[in-house]
Amino acid sequence: MSSDDELIALDRAHVWRPYTSSDDHQNRPLLVVDRAEGPWLITGDGRRVLDASGSWWCNNLGHGHPRLREAIARQSEQMMHSTLAAATHEPASRLAAELVAIAPEGLTRVFYSDNGSTAVEVALKIAFQYWQQNGRPERRRFLALPGGYHGDTLGAMSAGDVDEFTRIFRPLLFDVRRPPDAVNHQWEPVFERLFALLREGVDEIAAVIVEPMVQGAAGMRTYPAGLLAALREETQRADTLLIADEVFTGLGRTGPLWGCDHAGITPDLLCTAKGLSGGALPFAATLATDRVYDGFRGDKSRALMHGHTFCGNPLGAAVAREVLAIYRDEDILESAHPKAAKLAARIQSMTEVPGVRTPRSLGMCAAFEVGAPGYMGTVGWQISDAALELGAHLRPLGNTIYVVPPLNIEDADLDRLLDIVRESTERVLVSAQ
């Protein structure tokens, strides 16, 4: 038995893999990754495979950036972990100030956690408790967009609306109101109904939560910036909190540093993770305005009773600080613009392939549809299998094919990735005709 065969056998015998049926676990191809660098996943025998999903959307700077490796090594020599309860340390304190400096203006407080789901849980709990202890205890409900995804913990799942993820858990989830889904990608009626729900329930709505500009797990669905700006106006008019889930959209994925920047808005709470640590370590943060933080001032009875063992972990904070430094020093956002333009043009050209529908892109995020709609579609996985043979690792969302390459990917590597996406799609769709 080869080393890879042994690892696959051990995996299939003992690992419970995420979002994976037992049938798929036993039967689908399994890539054994030995190391990774830049946009590449590398097997033990030296085969190089392009990581088209950014290892679930977090590798904004590619794998193993030398400066991130050095930051981890440096910090590990000094301190790998220390509590953030009644203590602090330099990485967490300085990172908080640096995040405030680059966040939408008015976000001034940083609560640390360890992944996107927990960052959202923190925001939901903050919003709920804020009103409970500031004279509006009837405000205990949330509004959200249809098709949203905000994580897999129970609060985040309640706010989400990807049926395949939440259906079986509904008895455990709290009720979140949302308008009917968009028809033919027409978002204006969706937001108008969302605004109506807000006005109708203004006395009981604690917060509205959205993914700014792009709904990731719903299939990389985009909506106009003007609607996000209008939502901010409506929440301000209703004196209701707005939560921006920037776990995927933040740190330049959609073009500007934050998805909110497309609309020029500041939410009351902003969640960030994934690219915050460059995909190197689990790390997340929830940012809040002074107004929100001031609602917790006072004695212990008013404190936010929430925390995590690794809240503000020094290794994660040090890596996040280095990520922000790399963005500055290497001009990551500006240098990504021509790559985003190329990505948009190449994805639009996919309509030349019979069976490809609704190509779309925003920044360094692009997607298109194949086969019948629905998360349980199989055509996307056939294309994924073909792409793996050709040298790219795709992770389709049902029959949505998407790519989220590193913002600093080399042009030649981006061309190669898009060539493989094209060839694998043609191989599956043309042969099916």
Protein backbone atom coordinates (compact mmCIF):
# COMPACT_ATOMS: atom_id res chain seq x y z
CA MET A 1 0.00 0.00 0.00
CA SER A 2 1.40 3.39 -0.99
CA SER A 3 1.58 6.24 1.47
CA ASP A 4 -1.37 7.96 -0.26
CA ASP A 5 -3.41 4.76 -0.25
CA GLU A 6 -2.72 4.35 3.45
CA LEU A 7 -3.79 7.92 4.23
CA ILE A 8 -6.96 7.56 2.18
CA ALA A 9 -7.76 4.30 3.96
CA LEU A 10 -7.22 5.93 7.36
CA ASP A 11 -9.33 8.92 6.33
CA ARG A 12 -12.18 6.73 5.14
CA ALA A 13 -11.99 4.60 8.25
CA HIS A 14 -11.87 7.36 10.86
CA VAL A 15 -12.40 10.93 9.59
CA TRP A 16 -15.88 12.45 9.55
CA ARG A 17 -15.54 14.88 6.66
CA PRO A 18 -17.53 18.14 6.40
CA TYR A 19 -20.52 18.41 4.06
CA THR A 20 -19.83 14.90 2.76
CA SER A 21 -22.13 11.90 2.54
CA SER A 22 -20.74 8.54 3.57
CA ASP A 23 -21.22 7.31 -0.01
CA ASP A 24 -19.19 10.19 -1.42
CA HIS A 25 -16.57 9.75 1.29
CA GLN A 26 -15.99 6.16 0.25
CA ASN A 27 -16.29 6.57 -3.51
CA ARG A 28 -15.31 10.03 -4.71
CA PRO A 29 -11.70 10.93 -5.60
CA LEU A 30 -9.75 12.21 -2.61
CA LEU A 31 -6.76 14.47 -3.14
CA VAL A 32 -3.95 13.80 -0.66
CA VAL A 33 -2.12 17.08 -0.14
CA ASP A 34 1.45 16.92 1.13
CA ARG A 35 2.24 20.64 1.05
CA ALA A 36 0.97 23.88 -0.45
CA GLU A 37 2.45 27.07 -1.81
CA GLY A 38 0.87 30.05 -3.55
CA PRO A 39 -2.19 28.85 -5.49
CA TRP A 40 -0.91 25.27 -5.54
CA LEU A 41 -1.76 22.13 -3.61
CA ILE A 42 1.11 19.66 -3.98
CA THR A 43 0.91 15.90 -3.56
CA GLY A 44 3.59 13.63 -2.16
CA ASP A 45 4.75 12.64 -5.65
CA GLY A 46 5.08 16.28 -6.68
CA ARG A 47 1.85 16.71 -8.63
CA ARG A 48 0.72 20.35 -8.53
CA VAL A 49 -2.99 21.13 -8.39
CA LEU A 50 -4.45 24.65 -8.49
CA ASP A 51 -6.62 25.47 -5.46
CA ALA A 52 -9.64 27.06 -7.13
CA SER A 53 -11.69 27.38 -3.94
CA GLY A 54 -9.01 29.06 -1.86
CA SER A 55 -9.38 26.18 0.61
CA TRP A 56 -12.89 27.37 1.34
CA TRP A 57 -12.36 31.00 0.47
CA CYS A 58 -9.68 31.90 3.01
CA ASN A 59 -6.38 31.92 1.08
CA ASN A 60 -6.47 35.50 -0.14
CA LEU A 61 -2.66 35.58 -0.22
CA GLY A 62 -2.14 32.01 -1.37
CA HIS A 63 -0.73 29.16 0.65
CA GLY A 64 2.37 29.53 2.79
CA HIS A 65 3.24 33.16 2.20
CA PRO A 66 6.83 33.43 3.52
CA ARG A 67 6.00 36.39 5.74
CA LEU A 68 3.13 34.51 7.37
CA ARG A 69 5.38 31.54 8.07
CA GLU A 70 7.90 33.90 9.63
CA ALA A 71 5.23 35.65 11.71
CA ILE A 72 4.07 32.34 13.15
CA ALA A 73 7.64 31.26 13.91
CA ARG A 74 8.48 34.59 15.54
CA GLN A 75 5.39 34.65 17.71
CA SER A 76 5.69 30.98 18.68
CA GLU A 77 9.14 31.67 20.10
CA GLN A 78 7.67 34.33 22.37
CA MET A 79 4.19 33.05 23.29
CA MET A 80 1.72 30.70 21.63
CA HIS A 81 -1.28 31.36 23.83
CA SER A 82 -2.44 33.49 26.72
CA THR A 83 -5.92 34.29 27.95
CA LEU A 84 -7.54 37.56 26.98
CA ALA A 85 -9.56 37.55 30.22
CA ALA A 86 -8.12 40.10 32.68
CA ALA A 87 -4.93 40.13 30.60
CA THR A 88 -3.77 41.33 27.21
CA HIS A 89 -0.78 41.01 24.91
CA GLU A 90 0.80 42.99 22.10
CA PRO A 91 -0.57 41.10 19.07
CA ALA A 92 -4.21 41.41 20.17
CA SER A 93 -3.94 45.03 21.31
CA ARG A 94 -2.11 46.26 18.23
CA LEU A 95 -4.25 44.25 15.82
CA ALA A 96 -7.41 45.80 17.28
CA ALA A 97 -6.07 49.29 16.61
CA GLU A 98 -4.99 48.30 13.09
CA LEU A 99 -8.39 46.81 12.28
CA VAL A 100 -10.16 49.94 13.51
CA ALA A 101 -7.87 52.02 11.29
CA ILE A 102 -8.90 50.16 8.11
CA ALA A 103 -12.52 49.33 8.95
CA PRO A 104 -15.45 51.40 7.70
CA GLU A 105 -15.34 54.65 9.65
CA GLY A 106 -17.06 54.44 13.04
CA LEU A 107 -16.24 50.82 13.90
CA THR A 108 -14.05 51.23 16.98
CA ARG A 109 -14.26 48.06 19.09
CA VAL A 110 -13.00 44.55 18.32
CA PHE A 111 -14.23 41.29 19.87
CA TYR A 112 -12.07 38.30 18.92
CA SER A 113 -13.17 34.75 18.19
CA ASP A 114 -11.89 31.86 16.09
CA ASN A 115 -13.98 31.42 12.92
CA GLY A 116 -16.69 33.02 10.84
CA SER A 117 -19.58 31.22 12.52
CA THR A 118 -18.49 32.38 15.96
CA ALA A 119 -17.92 35.92 14.70
CA VAL A 120 -21.56 35.93 13.59
CA GLU A 121 -22.75 34.36 16.85
CA VAL A 122 -21.00 37.17 18.71
CA ALA A 123 -22.72 39.79 16.55
CA LEU A 124 -26.16 38.22 17.04
CA LYS A 125 -25.70 38.03 20.81
CA ILE A 126 -24.41 41.60 20.98
CA ALA A 127 -27.42 42.85 19.02
CA PHE A 128 -29.87 40.93 21.19
CA GLN A 129 -28.32 41.93 24.51
CA TYR A 130 -27.91 45.55 23.43
CA TRP A 131 -31.65 46.07 23.23
CA GLN A 132 -32.42 43.91 26.27
CA GLN A 133 -30.47 46.23 28.55
CA ASN A 134 -31.09 49.53 26.80
CA GLY A 135 -34.80 50.03 27.18
CA ARG A 136 -36.12 48.01 24.21
CA PRO A 137 -36.43 44.39 25.45
CA GLU A 138 -39.16 43.69 22.88
CA ARG A 139 -36.50 43.92 20.17
CA ARG A 140 -35.52 40.28 19.99
CA ARG A 141 -36.05 39.27 16.37
CA PHE A 142 -33.79 39.38 13.32
CA LEU A 143 -34.25 40.00 9.61
CA ALA A 144 -32.10 38.49 6.86
CA LEU A 145 -31.97 38.06 3.11
CA PRO A 146 -33.19 34.89 1.39
CA GLY A 147 -30.35 32.57 0.43
CA GLY A 148 -27.98 33.92 3.03
CA TYR A 149 -25.34 31.81 4.74
CA HIS A 150 -23.79 32.93 8.01
CA GLY A 151 -22.21 29.79 9.47
CA ASP A 152 -23.04 26.44 11.02
CA THR A 153 -23.50 27.20 14.72
CA LEU A 154 -27.14 27.39 15.79
CA GLY A 155 -27.53 31.16 15.84
CA ALA A 156 -25.70 31.57 12.55
CA MET A 157 -27.79 28.77 11.02
CA SER A 158 -30.96 30.51 12.18
CA ALA A 159 -29.90 33.60 10.25
CA GLY A 160 -28.99 31.49 7.22
CA ASP A 161 -31.28 30.27 4.47
CA VAL A 162 -29.54 27.49 2.54
CA ASP A 163 -32.16 24.80 2.97
CA GLU A 164 -29.83 21.84 2.51
CA PHE A 165 -27.75 23.03 5.48
CA THR A 166 -30.57 23.92 7.87
CA ARG A 167 -33.61 21.77 7.10
CA ILE A 168 -33.05 18.97 9.60
CA PHE A 169 -32.05 21.38 12.37
CA ARG A 170 -35.07 23.70 12.12
CA PRO A 171 -36.61 22.56 15.43
CA LEU A 172 -33.47 23.88 17.15
CA LEU A 173 -33.36 27.26 15.37
CA PHE A 174 -34.97 30.57 16.29
CA ASP A 175 -37.26 32.27 13.81
CA VAL A 176 -35.69 34.82 11.47
CA ARG A 177 -37.87 36.74 9.05
CA ARG A 178 -36.86 37.14 5.42
CA PRO A 179 -38.58 38.09 2.15
CA PRO A 180 -39.20 35.63 -0.71
CA ASP A 181 -36.20 34.86 -2.88
CA ALA A 182 -35.19 36.77 -5.99
CA VAL A 183 -36.80 35.77 -9.29
CA ASN A 184 -34.55 35.91 -12.35
CA HIS A 185 -31.88 37.65 -10.28
CA GLN A 186 -34.13 40.67 -9.70
CA TRP A 187 -33.12 41.94 -6.27
CA GLU A 188 -35.09 45.18 -6.07
CA PRO A 189 -38.38 43.47 -5.07
CA VAL A 190 -36.50 41.41 -2.47
CA PHE A 191 -35.08 44.48 -0.78
CA GLU A 192 -38.39 46.35 -1.00
CA ARG A 193 -40.06 43.49 0.84
CA LEU A 194 -37.19 43.41 3.35
CA PHE A 195 -37.72 47.12 4.00
CA ALA A 196 -41.45 46.49 4.43
CA LEU A 197 -40.77 43.73 6.97
CA LEU A 198 -38.51 46.11 8.85
CA ARG A 199 -41.15 48.85 8.93
CA GLU A 200 -43.88 46.42 9.96
CA GLY A 201 -41.81 44.95 12.78
CA VAL A 202 -39.78 48.00 13.73
CA ASP A 203 -40.59 47.64 17.43
CA GLU A 204 -39.34 44.04 17.61
CA ILE A 205 -36.40 43.87 15.18
CA ALA A 206 -33.01 43.81 16.93
CA ALA A 207 -30.92 43.71 13.76
CA VAL A 208 -30.76 42.96 10.06
CA ILE A 209 -27.90 40.68 8.94
CA VAL A 210 -26.60 40.46 5.36
CA GLU A 211 -23.57 39.38 3.37
CA PRO A 212 -22.53 42.61 1.63
CA MET A 213 -22.68 42.37 -2.17
CA VAL A 214 -22.15 38.60 -2.56
CA GLN A 215 -24.02 35.66 -1.07
CA GLY A 216 -21.32 33.00 -1.01
CA ALA A 217 -22.87 29.63 -0.19
CA ALA A 218 -26.06 30.54 -2.06
CA GLY A 219 -23.99 30.27 -5.24
CA MET A 220 -21.92 33.48 -5.34
CA ARG A 221 -25.05 35.56 -5.98
CA THR A 222 -24.41 39.28 -6.35
CA TYR A 223 -26.73 42.24 -5.83
CA PRO A 224 -26.36 45.98 -6.54
CA ALA A 225 -24.49 48.27 -4.17
CA GLY A 226 -27.35 50.76 -4.25
CA LEU A 227 -29.58 48.25 -2.48
CA LEU A 228 -27.02 47.82 0.29
CA ALA A 229 -26.86 51.60 0.70
CA ALA A 230 -30.66 51.77 0.81
CA LEU A 231 -30.71 49.06 3.49
CA ARG A 232 -28.34 51.10 5.64
CA GLU A 233 -30.67 54.09 5.30
CA GLU A 234 -33.68 51.99 6.25
CA THR A 235 -32.01 50.53 9.35
CA GLN A 236 -30.92 53.98 10.46
CA ARG A 237 -34.42 55.32 9.94
CA ALA A 238 -35.79 52.44 12.00
CA ASP A 239 -33.00 52.81 14.59
CA THR A 240 -32.24 49.11 14.10
CA LEU A 241 -28.77 47.57 14.03
CA LEU A 242 -27.17 46.39 10.78
CA ILE A 243 -24.80 43.40 10.88
CA ALA A 244 -22.44 43.01 7.92
CA ASP A 245 -21.18 39.44 7.57
CA GLU A 246 -17.86 40.13 5.81
CA VAL A 247 -16.39 36.71 6.62
CA PHE A 248 -16.08 35.95 2.90
CA THR A 249 -16.47 39.37 1.29
CA GLY A 250 -13.95 41.21 3.45
CA LEU A 251 -10.21 41.72 2.96
CA GLY A 252 -10.46 42.56 -0.73
CA ARG A 253 -12.28 39.55 -2.12
CA THR A 254 -14.89 41.69 -3.94
CA GLY A 255 -12.47 44.47 -4.96
CA PRO A 256 -12.32 47.08 -2.18
CA LEU A 257 -11.17 46.09 1.29
CA TRP A 258 -14.73 45.52 2.53
CA GLY A 259 -17.91 44.61 0.72
CA CYS A 260 -19.55 47.53 2.56
CA ASP A 261 -17.16 49.89 0.76
CA HIS A 262 -19.05 49.33 -2.51
CA ALA A 263 -21.96 51.21 -0.92
CA GLY A 264 -19.90 53.55 1.25
CA ILE A 265 -21.64 52.43 4.44
CA THR A 266 -20.67 51.64 8.02
CA PRO A 267 -22.66 48.85 9.68
CA ASP A 268 -23.21 48.71 13.43
CA LEU A 269 -21.44 45.34 13.60
CA LEU A 270 -19.01 43.76 11.12
CA CYS A 271 -17.83 40.14 11.14
CA THR A 272 -14.49 39.16 9.61
CA ALA A 273 -12.55 35.88 9.41
CA LYS A 274 -11.21 33.66 6.57
CA GLY A 275 -8.81 36.06 4.80
CA LEU A 276 -8.10 37.87 8.08
CA SER A 277 -5.47 35.27 8.92
CA GLY A 278 -4.52 34.59 5.31
CA GLY A 279 -5.85 31.06 5.69
CA ALA A 280 -2.99 30.24 8.04
CA LEU A 281 -4.80 29.84 11.37
CA PRO A 282 -8.38 29.91 12.71
CA PHE A 283 -9.00 33.54 13.67
CA ALA A 284 -11.93 35.96 13.54
CA ALA A 285 -13.19 39.27 14.85
CA THR A 286 -16.46 41.14 15.31
CA LEU A 287 -16.19 44.92 15.11
CA ALA A 288 -18.68 47.31 16.72
CA THR A 289 -19.39 51.03 16.87
CA ASP A 290 -19.03 53.16 19.99
CA ARG A 291 -22.79 53.35 20.23
CA VAL A 292 -23.07 49.57 20.47
CA TYR A 293 -20.18 49.24 22.91
CA ASP A 294 -21.58 52.03 25.08
CA GLY A 295 -24.72 49.95 25.52
CA PHE A 296 -22.66 47.49 27.58
CA ARG A 297 -21.03 50.00 29.91
CA GLY A 298 -21.65 49.54 33.61
CA ASP A 299 -21.24 46.77 36.16
CA LYS A 300 -20.91 43.03 35.59
CA SER A 301 -24.63 42.61 35.01
CA ARG A 302 -24.25 44.52 31.72
CA ALA A 303 -21.18 42.67 30.42
CA LEU A 304 -21.28 40.58 27.24
CA MET A 305 -21.12 37.08 28.69
CA HIS A 306 -19.41 35.48 25.76
CA GLY A 307 -15.87 34.25 25.16
CA HIS A 308 -13.66 31.56 23.67
CA THR A 309 -10.59 29.79 25.00
CA PHE A 310 -8.55 31.01 22.03
CA CYS A 311 -10.13 34.47 21.88
CA GLY A 312 -7.41 36.82 20.62
CA ASN A 313 -4.87 34.00 20.39
CA PRO A 314 -1.38 35.55 20.00
CA LEU A 315 -0.42 33.35 17.04
CA GLY A 316 -3.60 34.21 15.16
CA ALA A 317 -3.36 37.89 16.01
CA ALA A 318 0.29 38.04 14.94
CA VAL A 319 -0.54 36.39 11.63
CA ALA A 320 -3.49 38.75 11.07
CA ARG A 321 -1.23 41.74 11.71
CA GLU A 322 1.21 40.40 9.13
CA VAL A 323 -1.63 39.89 6.65
CA LEU A 324 -2.57 43.56 6.96
CA ALA A 325 1.09 44.54 6.57
CA ILE A 326 1.38 42.45 3.39
CA TYR A 327 -1.72 44.13 1.97
CA ARG A 328 -0.02 47.50 2.55
CA ASP A 329 3.51 46.59 1.48
CA GLU A 330 2.60 44.56 -1.61
CA ASP A 331 -0.28 46.81 -2.71
CA ILE A 332 -2.53 43.77 -2.85
CA LEU A 333 -5.82 45.51 -3.64
CA GLU A 334 -4.50 47.68 -6.46
CA SER A 335 -2.49 44.89 -8.07
CA ALA A 336 -5.56 42.63 -8.07
CA HIS A 337 -7.58 44.98 -10.32
CA PRO A 338 -6.23 43.76 -13.70
CA LYS A 339 -6.56 40.15 -12.54
CA ALA A 340 -10.18 40.78 -11.56
CA ALA A 341 -10.80 42.26 -15.02
CA LYS A 342 -9.29 39.19 -16.66
CA LEU A 343 -11.33 36.90 -14.42
CA ALA A 344 -14.53 38.74 -15.32
CA ALA A 345 -13.84 38.57 -19.06
CA ARG A 346 -12.92 34.89 -19.01
CA ILE A 347 -15.97 33.94 -16.95
CA GLN A 348 -18.26 35.91 -19.25
CA SER A 349 -16.78 34.02 -22.21
CA MET A 350 -17.99 30.76 -20.65
CA THR A 351 -21.38 31.46 -22.25
CA GLU A 352 -19.74 30.18 -25.45
CA VAL A 353 -19.99 26.72 -23.88
CA PRO A 354 -23.48 25.26 -24.45
CA GLY A 355 -25.20 24.72 -21.10
CA VAL A 356 -23.41 27.46 -19.15
CA ARG A 357 -25.72 30.07 -17.60
CA THR A 358 -25.55 33.35 -15.67
CA PRO A 359 -21.80 34.02 -15.50
CA ARG A 360 -20.99 36.69 -12.92
CA SER A 361 -18.06 38.13 -11.07
CA LEU A 362 -17.14 40.75 -8.51
CA GLY A 363 -13.52 41.40 -7.72
CA MET A 364 -11.65 38.11 -7.41
CA CYS A 365 -14.79 36.02 -7.16
CA ALA A 366 -16.53 34.50 -10.18
CA ALA A 367 -19.15 31.86 -10.87
CA PHE A 368 -21.54 30.37 -13.41
CA GLU A 369 -24.34 27.80 -13.46
CA VAL A 370 -24.57 24.42 -15.17
CA GLY A 371 -27.24 21.73 -15.16
CA ALA A 372 -30.47 21.95 -13.22
CA PRO A 373 -30.69 24.46 -10.35
CA GLY A 374 -30.19 23.16 -6.84
CA TYR A 375 -27.49 22.39 -4.32
CA MET A 376 -27.84 18.64 -4.80
CA GLY A 377 -27.07 18.78 -8.53
CA THR A 378 -24.49 16.36 -9.90
CA VAL A 379 -23.21 18.11 -13.03
CA GLY A 380 -21.03 20.44 -10.98
CA TRP A 381 -19.32 17.48 -9.37
CA GLN A 382 -18.68 15.87 -12.74
CA ILE A 383 -16.91 19.07 -13.78
CA SER A 384 -15.01 19.01 -10.48
CA ASP A 385 -13.79 15.47 -11.20
CA ALA A 386 -12.71 16.46 -14.71
CA ALA A 387 -10.91 19.53 -13.38
CA LEU A 388 -9.00 17.45 -10.85
CA GLU A 389 -7.71 15.23 -13.64
CA LEU A 390 -6.56 18.37 -15.46
CA GLY A 391 -4.90 19.91 -12.41
CA ALA A 392 -7.38 22.08 -10.49
CA HIS A 393 -9.29 21.42 -7.28
CA LEU A 394 -12.85 22.80 -7.55
CA ARG A 395 -15.45 22.70 -4.82
CA PRO A 396 -18.77 23.40 -6.59
CA LEU A 397 -21.86 24.63 -4.79
CA GLY A 398 -24.19 22.06 -6.31
CA ASN A 399 -24.32 23.07 -9.96
CA THR A 400 -22.62 26.40 -9.36
CA ILE A 401 -19.00 26.40 -10.51
CA TYR A 402 -16.97 29.14 -8.87
CA VAL A 403 -13.37 30.26 -8.52
CA VAL A 404 -11.90 32.41 -5.74
CA PRO A 405 -8.17 32.56 -6.52
CA PRO A 406 -5.61 34.35 -4.35
CA LEU A 407 -5.62 38.11 -4.84
CA ASN A 408 -1.90 37.91 -5.60
CA ILE A 409 -2.03 34.97 -8.02
CA GLU A 410 0.42 35.21 -10.92
CA ASP A 411 -1.13 35.91 -14.33
CA ALA A 412 0.12 32.64 -15.80
CA ASP A 413 -1.40 30.64 -12.94
CA LEU A 414 -4.72 32.46 -13.27
CA ASP A 415 -4.72 31.74 -17.01
CA ARG A 416 -4.01 28.08 -16.35
CA LEU A 417 -6.80 27.85 -13.76
CA LEU A 418 -9.32 29.43 -16.10
CA ASP A 419 -8.17 27.20 -18.97
CA ILE A 420 -8.87 24.16 -16.80
CA VAL A 421 -12.28 25.47 -15.76
CA ARG A 422 -13.14 25.95 -19.43
CA GLU A 423 -11.78 22.59 -20.58
CA SER A 424 -13.38 20.59 -17.77
CA THR A 425 -16.75 22.29 -18.33
CA GLU A 426 -16.61 21.62 -22.06
CA ARG A 427 -15.58 18.03 -21.45
CA VAL A 428 -18.66 17.36 -19.31
CA LEU A 429 -21.31 19.51 -20.99
CA VAL A 430 -20.39 18.82 -24.62
CA SER A 431 -20.14 15.07 -24.04
CA ALA A 432 -23.61 15.13 -22.46
CA GLN A 433 -25.21 16.52 -25.61
